[in-house]
PDB file of N, CA and C in Angstrom:
ATOM      1  N   UNK A   1      -3.731 -46.469 -20.658  1.00  0.00           N
ATOM      2  CA  UNK A   1      -4.769 -46.055 -20.005  1.00  0.00           C
ATOM      3  C   UNK A   1      -4.531 -45.392 -18.593  1.00  0.00           C
ATOM      4  N   UNK A   2      -3.481 -45.920 -17.907  1.00  0.00           N
ATOM      5  CA  UNK A   2      -3.043 -45.331 -16.796  1.00  0.00           C
ATOM      6  C   UNK A   2      -2.424 -43.866 -16.841  1.00  0.00           C
ATOM      7  N   UNK A   3      -1.958 -43.517 -18.015  1.00  0.00           N
ATOM      8  CA  UNK A   3      -1.401 -42.283 -18.306  1.00  0.00           C
ATOM      9  C   UNK A   3      -2.649 -41.157 -18.428  1.00  0.00           C
ATOM     10  N   UNK A   4      -3.566 -41.836 -19.150  1.00  0.00           N
ATOM     11  CA  UNK A   4      -4.765 -40.797 -19.306  1.00  0.00           C
ATOM     12  C   UNK A   4      -5.523 -40.611 -17.875  1.00  0.00           C
ATOM     13  N   UNK A   5      -5.510 -41.539 -17.123  1.00  0.00           N
ATOM     14  CA  UNK A   5      -6.216 -41.373 -15.773  1.00  0.00           C
ATOM     15  C   UNK A   5      -5.304 -40.433 -14.892  1.00  0.00           C
ATOM     16  N   UNK A   6      -3.923 -40.574 -15.044  1.00  0.00           N
ATOM     17  CA  UNK A   6      -3.143 -39.709 -14.327  1.00  0.00           C
ATOM     18  C   UNK A   6      -3.257 -38.436 -14.646  1.00  0.00           C
ATOM     19  N   UNK A   7      -3.260 -38.381 -16.094  1.00  0.00           N
ATOM     20  CA  UNK A   7      -3.451 -36.862 -16.640  1.00  0.00           C
ATOM     21  C   UNK A   7      -4.587 -36.241 -16.239  1.00  0.00           C
ATOM     22  N   UNK A   8      -5.711 -36.872 -16.191  1.00  0.00           N
ATOM     23  CA  UNK A   8      -6.992 -36.305 -15.737  1.00  0.00           C
ATOM     24  C   UNK A   8      -6.881 -35.987 -14.151  1.00  0.00           C
ATOM     25  N   UNK A   9      -6.327 -36.794 -13.526  1.00  0.00           N
ATOM     26  CA  UNK A   9      -6.141 -36.490 -12.088  1.00  0.00           C
ATOM     27  C   UNK A   9      -5.368 -35.248 -11.747  1.00  0.00           C
ATOM     28  N   UNK A  10      -4.413 -35.160 -12.542  1.00  0.00           N
ATOM     29  CA  UNK A  10      -3.384 -33.840 -12.313  1.00  0.00           C
ATOM     30  C   UNK A  10      -4.261 -32.635 -12.757  1.00  0.00           C
ATOM     31  N   UNK A  11      -5.006 -32.849 -13.811  1.00  0.00           N
ATOM     32  CA  UNK A  11      -5.784 -31.681 -14.277  1.00  0.00           C
ATOM     33  C   UNK A  11      -6.725 -31.133 -13.249  1.00  0.00           C
ATOM     34  N   UNK A  12      -7.356 -32.263 -12.643  1.00  0.00           N
ATOM     35  CA  UNK A  12      -8.445 -31.891 -11.681  1.00  0.00           C
ATOM     36  C   UNK A  12      -7.831 -31.508 -10.534  1.00  0.00           C
ATOM     37  N   UNK A  13      -6.755 -32.049  -9.971  1.00  0.00           N
ATOM     38  CA  UNK A  13      -6.033 -31.455  -8.847  1.00  0.00           C
ATOM     39  C   UNK A  13      -5.495 -30.051  -9.047  1.00  0.00           C
ATOM     40  N   UNK A  14      -5.029 -29.733 -10.194  1.00  0.00           N
ATOM     41  CA  UNK A  14      -4.494 -28.314 -10.372  1.00  0.00           C
ATOM     42  C   UNK A  14      -5.657 -27.368 -10.431  1.00  0.00           C
ATOM     43  N   UNK A  15      -6.916 -27.897 -10.943  1.00  0.00           N
ATOM     44  CA  UNK A  15      -8.070 -27.122 -10.897  1.00  0.00           C
ATOM     45  C   UNK A  15      -8.530 -26.693  -9.607  1.00  0.00           C
ATOM     46  N   UNK A  16      -8.543 -27.948  -8.648  1.00  0.00           N
ATOM     47  CA  UNK A  16      -8.876 -27.571  -7.330  1.00  0.00           C
ATOM     48  C   UNK A  16      -8.015 -26.698  -6.607  1.00  0.00           C
ATOM     49  N   UNK A  17      -6.606 -26.748  -6.771  1.00  0.00           N
ATOM     50  CA  UNK A  17      -5.718 -25.752  -6.256  1.00  0.00           C
ATOM     51  C   UNK A  17      -5.998 -24.400  -6.766  1.00  0.00           C
ATOM     52  N   UNK A  18      -6.253 -24.164  -8.012  1.00  0.00           N
ATOM     53  CA  UNK A  18      -6.201 -22.804  -8.383  1.00  0.00           C
ATOM     54  C   UNK A  18      -7.694 -22.227  -7.760  1.00  0.00           C
ATOM     55  N   UNK A  19      -8.610 -23.033  -7.551  1.00  0.00           N
ATOM     56  CA  UNK A  19      -9.841 -22.580  -6.943  1.00  0.00           C
ATOM     57  C   UNK A  19      -9.662 -22.248  -5.492  1.00  0.00           C
ATOM     58  N   UNK A  20      -8.626 -22.915  -4.821  1.00  0.00           N
ATOM     59  CA  UNK A  20      -8.413 -22.574  -3.446  1.00  0.00           C
ATOM     60  C   UNK A  20      -7.533 -21.341  -3.262  1.00  0.00           C
ATOM     61  N   UNK A  21      -6.702 -21.032  -4.238  1.00  0.00           N
ATOM     62  CA  UNK A  21      -5.684 -19.824  -4.161  1.00  0.00           C
ATOM     63  C   UNK A  21      -6.390 -18.785  -3.450  1.00  0.00           C
ATOM     64  N   UNK A  22      -7.621 -18.231  -4.131  1.00  0.00           N
ATOM     65  CA  UNK A  22      -8.140 -17.076  -3.645  1.00  0.00           C
ATOM     66  C   UNK A  22      -8.632 -17.220  -2.124  1.00  0.00           C
ATOM     67  N   UNK A  23      -9.127 -18.420  -1.854  1.00  0.00           N
ATOM     68  CA  UNK A  23      -9.725 -18.727  -0.477  1.00  0.00           C
ATOM     69  C   UNK A  23      -8.566 -18.507   0.585  1.00  0.00           C
ATOM     70  N   UNK A  24      -7.312 -19.203   0.269  1.00  0.00           N
ATOM     71  CA  UNK A  24      -6.233 -19.120   1.134  1.00  0.00           C
ATOM     72  C   UNK A  24      -5.744 -17.614   1.455  1.00  0.00           C
ATOM     73  N   UNK A  25      -5.844 -16.849   0.326  1.00  0.00           N
ATOM     74  CA  UNK A  25      -5.156 -15.503   0.261  1.00  0.00           C
ATOM     75  C   UNK A  25      -6.232 -14.730   1.203  1.00  0.00           C
ATOM     76  N   UNK A  26      -7.522 -14.965   0.915  1.00  0.00           N
ATOM     77  CA  UNK A  26      -8.630 -14.094   1.752  1.00  0.00           C
ATOM     78  C   UNK A  26      -8.344 -14.350   3.179  1.00  0.00           C
ATOM     79  N   UNK A  27      -8.054 -15.632   3.637  1.00  0.00           N
ATOM     80  CA  UNK A  27      -8.080 -15.869   5.108  1.00  0.00           C
ATOM     81  C   UNK A  27      -6.723 -15.244   5.572  1.00  0.00           C
ATOM     82  N   UNK A  28      -5.628 -15.208   4.846  1.00  0.00           N
ATOM     83  CA  UNK A  28      -4.429 -14.363   5.224  1.00  0.00           C
ATOM     84  C   UNK A  28      -4.837 -13.015   5.391  1.00  0.00           C
ATOM     85  N   UNK A  29      -5.534 -12.426   4.259  1.00  0.00           N
ATOM     86  CA  UNK A  29      -5.881 -10.955   4.237  1.00  0.00           C
ATOM     87  C   UNK A  29      -6.821 -10.602   5.508  1.00  0.00           C
ATOM     88  N   UNK A  30      -7.655 -11.435   5.942  1.00  0.00           N
ATOM     89  CA  UNK A  30      -8.533 -11.230   7.040  1.00  0.00           C
ATOM     90  C   UNK A  30      -7.863 -11.302   8.402  1.00  0.00           C
ATOM     91  N   UNK A  31      -6.957 -12.272   8.639  1.00  0.00           N
ATOM     92  CA  UNK A  31      -6.522 -12.528  10.015  1.00  0.00           C
ATOM     93  C   UNK A  31      -4.959 -12.018  10.137  1.00  0.00           C
ATOM     94  N   UNK A  32      -4.173 -11.836   8.960  1.00  0.00           N
ATOM     95  CA  UNK A  32      -2.790 -11.725   9.200  1.00  0.00           C
ATOM     96  C   UNK A  32      -2.308 -10.340   8.785  1.00  0.00           C
ATOM     97  N   UNK A  33      -2.948  -9.912   7.566  1.00  0.00           N
ATOM     98  CA  UNK A  33      -2.481  -8.726   6.899  1.00  0.00           C
ATOM     99  C   UNK A  33      -2.647  -7.524   7.577  1.00  0.00           C
ATOM    100  N   UNK A  34      -3.608  -7.319   8.451  1.00  0.00           N
ATOM    101  CA  UNK A  34      -3.785  -6.081   9.172  1.00  0.00           C
ATOM    102  C   UNK A  34      -2.522  -5.678   9.964  1.00  0.00           C
ATOM    103  N   UNK A  35      -1.862  -6.686  10.505  1.00  0.00           N
ATOM    104  CA  UNK A  35      -0.529  -6.450  11.347  1.00  0.00           C
ATOM    105  C   UNK A  35       0.646  -6.808  10.521  1.00  0.00           C
ATOM    106  N   UNK A  36       0.556  -7.809   9.574  1.00  0.00           N
ATOM    107  CA  UNK A  36       1.726  -8.424   8.936  1.00  0.00           C
ATOM    108  C   UNK A  36       1.881  -8.187   7.535  1.00  0.00           C
ATOM    109  N   UNK A  37       0.999  -7.109   7.108  1.00  0.00           N
ATOM    110  CA  UNK A  37       1.144  -6.801   5.625  1.00  0.00           C
ATOM    111  C   UNK A  37       1.906  -5.756   5.274  1.00  0.00           C
ATOM    112  N   UNK A  38       1.678  -5.277   4.015  1.00  0.00           N
ATOM    113  CA  UNK A  38       2.570  -4.157   3.435  1.00  0.00           C
ATOM    114  C   UNK A  38       1.746  -3.087   3.294  1.00  0.00           C
ATOM    115  N   UNK A  39       2.293  -1.792   3.601  1.00  0.00           N
ATOM    116  CA  UNK A  39       1.475  -0.630   3.438  1.00  0.00           C
ATOM    117  C   UNK A  39       2.285   0.223   2.364  1.00  0.00           C
ATOM    118  N   UNK A  40       1.677   0.497   1.289  1.00  0.00           N
ATOM    119  CA  UNK A  40       2.281   1.190   0.122  1.00  0.00           C
ATOM    120  C   UNK A  40       2.374   2.768   0.587  1.00  0.00           C
ATOM    121  N   UNK A  41       3.188   3.314  -0.097  1.00  0.00           N
ATOM    122  CA  UNK A  41       3.368   4.842   0.177  1.00  0.00           C
ATOM    123  C   UNK A  41       3.914   5.130   1.311  1.00  0.00           C
ATOM    124  N   UNK A  42       4.134   6.057   1.969  1.00  0.00           N
ATOM    125  CA  UNK A  42       4.727   6.369   3.286  1.00  0.00           C
ATOM    126  C   UNK A  42       3.787   6.651   4.458  1.00  0.00           C
ATOM    127  N   UNK A  43       2.774   5.864   4.445  1.00  0.00           N
ATOM    128  CA  UNK A  43       1.829   6.076   5.433  1.00  0.00           C
ATOM    129  C   UNK A  43       2.460   5.666   6.997  1.00  0.00           C
ATOM    130  N   UNK A  44       1.978   6.337   7.920  1.00  0.00           N
ATOM    131  CA  UNK A  44       2.381   6.206   9.315  1.00  0.00           C
ATOM    132  C   UNK A  44       3.947   6.667   9.475  1.00  0.00           C
ATOM    133  N   UNK A  45       4.012   7.740   9.119  1.00  0.00           N
ATOM    134  CA  UNK A  45       5.357   8.495   9.350  1.00  0.00           C
ATOM    135  C   UNK A  45       6.510   7.972   8.352  1.00  0.00           C
ATOM    136  N   UNK A  46       6.157   7.635   7.191  1.00  0.00           N
ATOM    137  CA  UNK A  46       7.229   7.282   6.178  1.00  0.00           C
ATOM    138  C   UNK A  46       7.872   6.078   6.198  1.00  0.00           C
ATOM    139  N   UNK A  47       7.279   5.045   7.108  1.00  0.00           N
ATOM    140  CA  UNK A  47       7.880   3.914   7.254  1.00  0.00           C
ATOM    141  C   UNK A  47       7.646   2.907   5.978  1.00  0.00           C
ATOM    142  N   UNK A  48       6.551   3.363   5.294  1.00  0.00           N
ATOM    143  CA  UNK A  48       6.308   2.489   3.957  1.00  0.00           C
ATOM    144  C   UNK A  48       5.901   1.032   4.319  1.00  0.00           C
ATOM    145  N   UNK A  49       6.514   0.176   3.889  1.00  0.00           N
ATOM    146  CA  UNK A  49       6.194  -1.225   3.933  1.00  0.00           C
ATOM    147  C   UNK A  49       6.231  -1.802   5.338  1.00  0.00           C
ATOM    148  N   UNK A  50       6.749  -1.025   6.286  1.00  0.00           N
ATOM    149  CA  UNK A  50       6.937  -1.457   7.542  1.00  0.00           C
ATOM    150  C   UNK A  50       6.164  -0.706   8.631  1.00  0.00           C
ATOM    151  N   UNK A  51       5.149  -0.287   8.286  1.00  0.00           N
ATOM    152  CA  UNK A  51       4.224   0.574   9.153  1.00  0.00           C
ATOM    153  C   UNK A  51       3.270  -0.127   9.850  1.00  0.00           C
ATOM    154  N   UNK A  52       2.970  -1.417   9.621  1.00  0.00           N
ATOM    155  CA  UNK A  52       2.073  -2.206  10.428  1.00  0.00           C
ATOM    156  C   UNK A  52       2.812  -2.678  11.576  1.00  0.00           C
ATOM    157  N   UNK A  53       2.171  -3.038  12.682  1.00  0.00           N
ATOM    158  CA  UNK A  53       2.945  -3.411  13.915  1.00  0.00           C
ATOM    159  C   UNK A  53       3.621  -4.649  13.833  1.00  0.00           C
ATOM    160  N   UNK A  54       3.139  -5.597  13.274  1.00  0.00           N
ATOM    161  CA  UNK A  54       3.914  -7.008  12.948  1.00  0.00           C
ATOM    162  C   UNK A  54       4.943  -6.865  12.115  1.00  0.00           C
ATOM    163  N   UNK A  55       4.832  -6.249  11.110  1.00  0.00           N
ATOM    164  CA  UNK A  55       5.813  -5.959  10.132  1.00  0.00           C
ATOM    165  C   UNK A  55       6.963  -5.158  10.607  1.00  0.00           C
ATOM    166  N   UNK A  56       6.629  -3.997  11.432  1.00  0.00           N
ATOM    167  CA  UNK A  56       7.571  -3.302  12.078  1.00  0.00           C
ATOM    168  C   UNK A  56       8.476  -3.971  13.073  1.00  0.00           C
ATOM    169  N   UNK A  57       7.818  -4.839  13.694  1.00  0.00           N
ATOM    170  CA  UNK A  57       8.323  -5.579  14.852  1.00  0.00           C
ATOM    171  C   UNK A  57       9.456  -6.441  14.137  1.00  0.00           C
ATOM    172  N   UNK A  58       9.012  -7.301  13.101  1.00  0.00           N
ATOM    173  CA  UNK A  58       9.842  -8.280  12.404  1.00  0.00           C
ATOM    174  C   UNK A  58      11.105  -7.422  11.689  1.00  0.00           C
ATOM    175  N   UNK A  59      10.811  -6.168  11.186  1.00  0.00           N
ATOM    176  CA  UNK A  59      11.950  -5.550  10.575  1.00  0.00           C
ATOM    177  C   UNK A  59      12.859  -5.132  11.708  1.00  0.00           C
ATOM    178  N   UNK A  60      12.525  -4.765  13.015  1.00  0.00           N
ATOM    179  CA  UNK A  60      13.516  -4.576  13.897  1.00  0.00           C
ATOM    180  C   UNK A  60      14.048  -5.955  14.414  1.00  0.00           C
ATOM    181  N   UNK A  61      13.409  -6.941  14.638  1.00  0.00           N
ATOM    182  CA  UNK A  61      13.960  -8.230  15.001  1.00  0.00           C
ATOM    183  C   UNK A  61      15.094  -8.835  14.080  1.00  0.00           C
ATOM    184  N   UNK A  62      14.531  -8.640  12.790  1.00  0.00           N
ATOM    185  CA  UNK A  62      15.510  -9.460  11.749  1.00  0.00           C
ATOM    186  C   UNK A  62      16.628  -8.549  11.212  1.00  0.00           C
ATOM    187  N   UNK A  63      16.511  -7.072  11.428  1.00  0.00           N
ATOM    188  CA  UNK A  63      17.627  -6.129  10.995  1.00  0.00           C
ATOM    189  C   UNK A  63      18.029  -6.415   9.450  1.00  0.00           C
ATOM    190  N   UNK A  64      17.079  -6.791   8.578  1.00  0.00           N
ATOM    191  CA  UNK A  64      17.443  -6.920   7.302  1.00  0.00           C
ATOM    192  C   UNK A  64      17.850  -8.271   6.842  1.00  0.00           C
ATOM    193  N   UNK A  65      17.956  -9.115   7.827  1.00  0.00           N
ATOM    194  CA  UNK A  65      18.379 -10.518   7.448  1.00  0.00           C
ATOM    195  C   UNK A  65      17.276 -11.369   6.746  1.00  0.00           C
ATOM    196  N   UNK A  66      16.108 -11.136   7.170  1.00  0.00           N
ATOM    197  CA  UNK A  66      14.795 -11.811   6.564  1.00  0.00           C
ATOM    198  C   UNK A  66      13.994 -10.605   6.350  1.00  0.00           C
ATOM    199  N   UNK A  67      13.128 -10.945   5.330  1.00  0.00           N
ATOM    200  CA  UNK A  67      12.013  -9.864   4.984  1.00  0.00           C
ATOM    201  C   UNK A  67      10.944  -9.753   6.054  1.00  0.00           C
ATOM    202  N   UNK A  68      10.672  -8.642   6.372  1.00  0.00           N
ATOM    203  CA  UNK A  68       9.694  -8.316   7.478  1.00  0.00           C
ATOM    204  C   UNK A  68       8.272  -8.571   7.177  1.00  0.00           C
ATOM    205  N   UNK A  69       7.818  -8.600   5.881  1.00  0.00           N
ATOM    206  CA  UNK A  69       6.570  -8.786   5.354  1.00  0.00           C
ATOM    207  C   UNK A  69       6.436 -10.291   5.174  1.00  0.00           C
ATOM    208  N   UNK A  70       5.625 -11.033   5.956  1.00  0.00           N
ATOM    209  CA  UNK A  70       5.394 -12.320   5.839  1.00  0.00           C
ATOM    210  C   UNK A  70       5.177 -12.877   4.481  1.00  0.00           C
ATOM    211  N   UNK A  71       4.350 -12.229   3.622  1.00  0.00           N
ATOM    212  CA  UNK A  71       4.151 -12.844   2.284  1.00  0.00           C
ATOM    213  C   UNK A  71       5.479 -12.792   1.447  1.00  0.00           C
ATOM    214  N   UNK A  72       6.427 -12.257   1.805  1.00  0.00           N
ATOM    215  CA  UNK A  72       7.688 -12.200   1.129  1.00  0.00           C
ATOM    216  C   UNK A  72       8.716 -13.300   1.566  1.00  0.00           C
ATOM    217  N   UNK A  73       8.304 -13.895   2.756  1.00  0.00           N
ATOM    218  CA  UNK A  73       9.179 -15.038   3.255  1.00  0.00           C
ATOM    219  C   UNK A  73       9.109 -16.260   2.702  1.00  0.00           C
ATOM    220  N   UNK A  74      10.192 -17.041   2.347  1.00  0.00           N
ATOM    221  CA  UNK A  74      10.202 -18.314   1.890  1.00  0.00           C
ATOM    222  C   UNK A  74      10.696 -19.397   2.659  1.00  0.00           C
ATOM    223  N   UNK A  75      11.163 -19.030   4.023  1.00  0.00           N
ATOM    224  CA  UNK A  75      11.576 -19.813   4.905  1.00  0.00           C
ATOM    225  C   UNK A  75      10.637 -20.411   6.128  1.00  0.00           C
ATOM    226  N   UNK A  76       9.406 -19.950   6.071  1.00  0.00           N
ATOM    227  CA  UNK A  76       8.483 -20.302   7.069  1.00  0.00           C
ATOM    228  C   UNK A  76       8.029 -21.813   7.019  1.00  0.00           C
ATOM    229  N   UNK A  77       7.985 -22.421   8.171  1.00  0.00           N
ATOM    230  CA  UNK A  77       7.616 -23.829   8.121  1.00  0.00           C
ATOM    231  C   UNK A  77       6.076 -23.831   8.923  1.00  0.00           C
ATOM    232  N   UNK A  78       5.378 -24.887   8.402  1.00  0.00           N
ATOM    233  CA  UNK A  78       4.080 -24.946   8.927  1.00  0.00           C
ATOM    234  C   UNK A  78       3.971 -25.140  10.451  1.00  0.00           C
ATOM    235  N   UNK A  79       4.872 -26.052  11.051  1.00  0.00           N
ATOM    236  CA  UNK A  79       4.809 -26.099  12.512  1.00  0.00           C
ATOM    237  C   UNK A  79       5.053 -24.703  13.154  1.00  0.00           C
ATOM    238  N   UNK A  80       6.029 -23.960  12.788  1.00  0.00           N
ATOM    239  CA  UNK A  80       6.368 -22.620  13.156  1.00  0.00           C
ATOM    240  C   UNK A  80       5.069 -21.732  13.142  1.00  0.00           C
ATOM    241  N   UNK A  81       4.471 -21.589  12.007  1.00  0.00           N
ATOM    242  CA  UNK A  81       3.439 -20.745  11.858  1.00  0.00           C
ATOM    243  C   UNK A  81       2.348 -21.292  12.846  1.00  0.00           C
ATOM    244  N   UNK A  82       2.038 -22.468  12.912  1.00  0.00           N
ATOM    245  CA  UNK A  82       0.987 -22.914  13.690  1.00  0.00           C
ATOM    246  C   UNK A  82       1.308 -22.692  15.227  1.00  0.00           C
ATOM    247  N   UNK A  83       2.400 -22.840  15.673  1.00  0.00           N
ATOM    248  CA  UNK A  83       2.899 -22.654  16.997  1.00  0.00           C
ATOM    249  C   UNK A  83       2.804 -21.029  17.438  1.00  0.00           C
ATOM    250  N   UNK A  84       3.207 -20.286  16.540  1.00  0.00           N
ATOM    251  CA  UNK A  84       3.186 -18.782  16.738  1.00  0.00           C
ATOM    252  C   UNK A  84       1.691 -18.309  16.847  1.00  0.00           C
ATOM    253  N   UNK A  85       0.876 -18.692  15.880  1.00  0.00           N
ATOM    254  CA  UNK A  85      -0.510 -18.374  15.751  1.00  0.00           C
ATOM    255  C   UNK A  85      -1.165 -18.807  17.141  1.00  0.00           C
ATOM    256  N   UNK A  86      -1.010 -20.162  17.632  1.00  0.00           N
ATOM    257  CA  UNK A  86      -1.749 -20.543  18.699  1.00  0.00           C
ATOM    258  C   UNK A  86      -1.154 -20.222  20.003  1.00  0.00           C
ATOM    259  N   UNK A  87       0.077 -19.920  20.133  1.00  0.00           N
ATOM    260  CA  UNK A  87       0.818 -19.588  21.245  1.00  0.00           C
ATOM    261  C   UNK A  87       1.204 -18.154  21.519  1.00  0.00           C
ATOM    262  N   UNK A  88       1.099 -17.453  20.453  1.00  0.00           N
ATOM    263  CA  UNK A  88       1.636 -16.044  20.554  1.00  0.00           C
ATOM    264  C   UNK A  88       3.128 -16.102  20.470  1.00  0.00           C
ATOM    265  N   UNK A  89       3.884 -14.843  20.369  1.00  0.00           N
ATOM    266  CA  UNK A  89       5.256 -14.664  20.273  1.00  0.00           C
ATOM    267  C   UNK A  89       5.403 -13.192  20.470  1.00  0.00           C
ATOM    268  N   UNK A  90       6.322 -12.733  21.449  1.00  0.00           N
ATOM    269  CA  UNK A  90       6.635 -11.432  21.857  1.00  0.00           C
ATOM    270  C   UNK A  90       5.273 -10.851  21.918  1.00  0.00           C
ATOM    271  N   UNK A  91       4.995  -9.683  20.999  1.00  0.00           N
ATOM    272  CA  UNK A  91       3.811  -8.891  21.134  1.00  0.00           C
ATOM    273  C   UNK A  91       2.690  -9.446  20.403  1.00  0.00           C
ATOM    274  N   UNK A  92       2.795 -10.596  19.664  1.00  0.00           N
ATOM    275  CA  UNK A  92       1.709 -11.267  19.119  1.00  0.00           C
ATOM    276  C   UNK A  92       0.886 -12.014  20.255  1.00  0.00           C
ATOM    277  N   UNK A  93      -0.392 -11.756  20.165  1.00  0.00           N
ATOM    278  CA  UNK A  93      -1.285 -12.564  21.241  1.00  0.00           C
ATOM    279  C   UNK A  93      -1.500 -13.942  20.678  1.00  0.00           C
ATOM    280  N   UNK A  94      -1.947 -14.860  21.685  1.00  0.00           N
ATOM    281  CA  UNK A  94      -2.505 -16.205  21.203  1.00  0.00           C
ATOM    282  C   UNK A  94      -3.778 -15.995  20.393  1.00  0.00           C
ATOM    283  N   UNK A  95      -3.896 -16.968  19.490  1.00  0.00           N
ATOM    284  CA  UNK A  95      -5.095 -16.806  18.624  1.00  0.00           C
ATOM    285  C   UNK A  95      -5.827 -18.239  18.973  1.00  0.00           C
ATOM    286  N   UNK A  96      -7.147 -18.135  19.517  1.00  0.00           N
ATOM    287  CA  UNK A  96      -8.000 -19.228  19.854  1.00  0.00           C
ATOM    288  C   UNK A  96      -8.475 -19.833  18.661  1.00  0.00           C
ATOM    289  N   UNK A  97      -8.908 -21.124  18.941  1.00  0.00           N
ATOM    290  CA  UNK A  97      -9.571 -21.829  17.659  1.00  0.00           C
ATOM    291  C   UNK A  97     -11.047 -21.228  17.399  1.00  0.00           C
ATOM    292  N   UNK A  98     -11.528 -20.564  18.476  1.00  0.00           N
ATOM    293  CA  UNK A  98     -12.728 -19.788  18.143  1.00  0.00           C
ATOM    294  C   UNK A  98     -12.534 -18.627  17.536  1.00  0.00           C
ATOM    295  N   UNK A  99     -11.475 -17.944  17.355  1.00  0.00           N
ATOM    296  CA  UNK A  99     -11.142 -16.926  16.573  1.00  0.00           C
ATOM    297  C   UNK A  99     -10.862 -17.408  15.014  1.00  0.00           C
ATOM    298  N   UNK A 100      -9.585 -18.079  14.904  1.00  0.00           N
ATOM    299  CA  UNK A 100      -9.242 -18.649  13.764  1.00  0.00           C
ATOM    300  C   UNK A 100      -9.275 -20.101  13.830  1.00  0.00           C
ATOM    301  N   UNK A 101     -10.171 -20.667  12.964  1.00  0.00           N
ATOM    302  CA  UNK A 101     -10.389 -22.177  13.110  1.00  0.00           C
ATOM    303  C   UNK A 101      -9.114 -22.827  12.582  1.00  0.00           C
ATOM    304  N   UNK A 102      -9.324 -24.234  12.940  1.00  0.00           N
ATOM    305  CA  UNK A 102      -8.241 -24.974  12.393  1.00  0.00           C
ATOM    306  C   UNK A 102      -7.963 -24.922  10.670  1.00  0.00           C
ATOM    307  N   UNK A 103      -9.241 -24.932  10.188  1.00  0.00           N
ATOM    308  CA  UNK A 103      -9.218 -24.851   8.690  1.00  0.00           C
ATOM    309  C   UNK A 103      -8.786 -23.551   8.202  1.00  0.00           C
ATOM    310  N   UNK A 104      -9.029 -22.344   8.860  1.00  0.00           N
ATOM    311  CA  UNK A 104      -8.401 -21.188   8.427  1.00  0.00           C
ATOM    312  C   UNK A 104      -7.141 -21.063   8.682  1.00  0.00           C
ATOM    313  N   UNK A 105      -6.485 -21.709   9.938  1.00  0.00           N
ATOM    314  CA  UNK A 105      -5.132 -21.786  10.031  1.00  0.00           C
ATOM    315  C   UNK A 105      -4.453 -22.564   9.073  1.00  0.00           C
ATOM    316  N   UNK A 106      -5.061 -23.632   8.549  1.00  0.00           N
ATOM    317  CA  UNK A 106      -4.390 -24.485   7.567  1.00  0.00           C
ATOM    318  C   UNK A 106      -4.304 -23.640   6.300  1.00  0.00           C
ATOM    319  N   UNK A 107      -5.390 -22.783   6.079  1.00  0.00           N
ATOM    320  CA  UNK A 107      -5.345 -21.991   4.794  1.00  0.00           C
ATOM    321  C   UNK A 107      -4.189 -20.926   4.806  1.00  0.00           C
ATOM    322  N   UNK A 108      -4.034 -20.239   5.989  1.00  0.00           N
ATOM    323  CA  UNK A 108      -2.866 -19.331   6.351  1.00  0.00           C
ATOM    324  C   UNK A 108      -1.542 -20.162   5.887  1.00  0.00           C
ATOM    325  N   UNK A 109      -1.458 -21.266   6.670  1.00  0.00           N
ATOM    326  CA  UNK A 109      -0.143 -22.019   6.359  1.00  0.00           C
ATOM    327  C   UNK A 109       0.138 -22.371   4.985  1.00  0.00           C
ATOM    328  N   UNK A 110      -1.067 -22.759   4.264  1.00  0.00           N
ATOM    329  CA  UNK A 110      -0.801 -23.060   2.828  1.00  0.00           C
ATOM    330  C   UNK A 110      -0.475 -21.758   1.994  1.00  0.00           C
ATOM    331  N   UNK A 111      -1.111 -20.692   2.395  1.00  0.00           N
ATOM    332  CA  UNK A 111      -0.715 -19.399   1.626  1.00  0.00           C
ATOM    333  C   UNK A 111       0.857 -19.060   1.862  1.00  0.00           C
ATOM    334  N   UNK A 112       1.246 -19.087   3.038  1.00  0.00           N
ATOM    335  CA  UNK A 112       2.544 -18.562   3.525  1.00  0.00           C
ATOM    336  C   UNK A 112       3.572 -19.578   3.089  1.00  0.00           C
ATOM    337  N   UNK A 113       3.331 -20.839   2.884  1.00  0.00           N
ATOM    338  CA  UNK A 113       4.384 -21.910   2.513  1.00  0.00           C
ATOM    339  C   UNK A 113       4.171 -22.336   0.996  1.00  0.00           C
ATOM    340  N   UNK A 114       3.329 -21.523   0.349  1.00  0.00           N
ATOM    341  CA  UNK A 114       3.194 -21.895  -0.966  1.00  0.00           C
ATOM    342  C   UNK A 114       4.328 -21.873  -1.974  1.00  0.00           C
ATOM    343  N   UNK A 115       4.504 -22.678  -2.843  1.00  0.00           N
ATOM    344  CA  UNK A 115       5.737 -22.691  -3.788  1.00  0.00           C
ATOM    345  C   UNK A 115       5.791 -21.120  -4.625  1.00  0.00           C
ATOM    346  N   UNK A 116       6.906 -20.680  -4.701  1.00  0.00           N
ATOM    347  CA  UNK A 116       6.985 -19.336  -5.449  1.00  0.00           C
ATOM    348  C   UNK A 116       8.086 -19.522  -6.439  1.00  0.00           C
TER     349      UNK A 116
END
């Protein structure tokens, strides 16, 4: 009996996660992708993927040691993401809770730290 209940709980949990995946991606696309996303093709002078301001800044900062596109990173920690979003870093401004809610920030964190 326990096995059946556990199996049903796992299926329900997986279903809820799959429903949330588009939501967390859409929050990232709205708030982060305009500066930290990827631009296909050689837009903005041929920089290609590194043409957006946040992505370009990270490309310069990491000099190839880490991917400049946030979606390609697998090393980001939730506390780091939260701290940078709320306090800013270098050219990135602070982001108030009235702009990006705690729920939206949690969705961004979930998206950037998702298993790949």
